[in-house]
Amino acid sequence: MTQSTSGTATASPLPSPKERRRLREAKSLSEEQVAAAMGVTRATVRAWETGRTSPRGRKREAYARLIGAGGAPTPTPAKRKTQNATPKPPAKRPKPPPVLIDAKSGSSTTPEPSAAPPEPAAVPAVVHVAEPVAAAEAVAAVTAVAVAGPVVAAGPVVAAESAAVAMAGSVGADKVIETSGIGETSGIDETSRIDETSRVRENSESSETVEAGLSPAEAFDALYGHAAAALFHQSYLLTGRRALSREAVTKAFELAWQRWPEVAVDRDPVGWVRAAAHEHAMSPWRRLRGEHRRLDPPPEAPGPRALLDALLALPPSYRRTLVLHDGVGLGLPETAAETEASTRAAAGRLVTARAAVAERLPEIAEPESPAEQSALLHERLGTLARTQPASSLPVPELIRTGSERKAQLWARAAIAFTVLIVGLTLITLATAPRKYETPLSPAQQVGGVPPVGGPQKLTPQDVKLRKKLGDELVHGPARLVPEAG
């Protein structure tokens, strides 16, 4: 029986997203610890603290108690060890979660359903840790999926996010945001929870290497060895070109080494490099080059070849959304953030992409639930990616030296260009005249213009008129002649 979300919202009010983050930092809790205690990913915790989504159901109450916003007394660091075993639940508890994680033993158990209500002490709502790294150890103990996957570092999508996608396909993409929190109130099977926790572990591995006191080169080599092959397979699924995929991975890690101080402190270094590789691989300007205009020979097996054709027939944004969600295993909010789209738009693209692939591959449409369809797509994408070995990738030392060489080349080019501009400016200042004098134009004879000065010569008409006026000067009736007197 699913608990109503409207009743939960009124029962356990939460502070604003900024206040949630402030309360978490005030209690000296990291995102990894909160994610391990709540049984979610770091991205889900970030979504709660940014306001994209909010916890619902029992997770809402547990989250409120964890950050100290539900009116419960906040445990101090001195009392945290005593509360590590089993925290006190409230008087009324909803349905117990499917998977229980113990911070000490790291074991995961699934409670058996029964008609009688469960014991309050058997349902720990929050797992308090005694040390800062205890949450990460608990997550690592539950992880059962190998890191070296062919396509991605995570398993299939959890059933909650697939339910949100199914809702988008039935009632429209505009309803997905309202149902994006279903996964936090509905039951999640143990396999999906293990895959989710493995994704948390793998996304934080590179950050842990930096915190372990490794040198920048060693931390970069660890990140490259962990994510290079998976990024190559993802780029191949996006482009269908091996050379372009290898170039995209190389350029992405070269950029990461140039900006290593920024990447080393990033929340998700693998996601940072993945975004750079995908942007480089899917840039339309790369296809204008001669070596990238033609597709590589398709796989020999008919199944992977048909799936690759179906992927390449999708628009780039739809293809990337499908690969990130069903291939990499990211959630809807994470996929939307990486593709720079809203959650509603990402869900609509995912539904459309699945429908387009199902038209070309009817076996994709056979599963009844979206979770089974997502798992089948994940398996097919992994099979397609395994057809392209990642052995042609360069070693990390070449990536670092190539990045440094290019950085030095660009720096020297910028210095040379600056010196050239400064030199030309100095030469111009030295050779330019201090005062500009207009040169005199040479004298030229001008014709057709009468000379200036003297009366003009009278014409015969002028002479006749002048004589007539002189003769009749004092005899005209119209004249007034002065009389002497």
Foldseek 3Di string as FASTA:
>chain_A
DFDDQVVQCVQFPDDALCVLVVLCVVQVADLLQQCLFQLFASVVNVCCSVVLDHAGALSNVLSCVQSVNRVDDHDHLVCLVVCQAFHQDDPDHPDAAQWDFRLPPLDIHGDDDDPDDDDRRVHGSGRGDNDRCSSVVSLVSLADDDQPFQAARFAFAWQQLLVLLVVCVPVHLVCSSVSSNVVNRDYTHSVNSNRRSSVNNLQCVLLVVVVVPDDLLVSLLVLCVRQLSNQLLLLCLLQQANVLSLVLLLVLSLVCLVVVVVLNPDSGNNLSSSLSSLCSSPPPVVCVDPVNVDHDDADPDPLLRLLSVLLVVDPNLLSQLLCVCLAHPDGLVVSCVSSVHRSSVSSVSPSVSLVSSCVSPVVLVPDDGSRVSSNVSNVSSSVSSVVDGPPPHDRVVCSNVVSVVVVVVVVVVVVVVVVVVVVVVVVCVVPPDPDDDDDDDDDDDDDDDDDDDDDDDDDVVRVVVVVVCVVCVPPDPVDDDDDDD
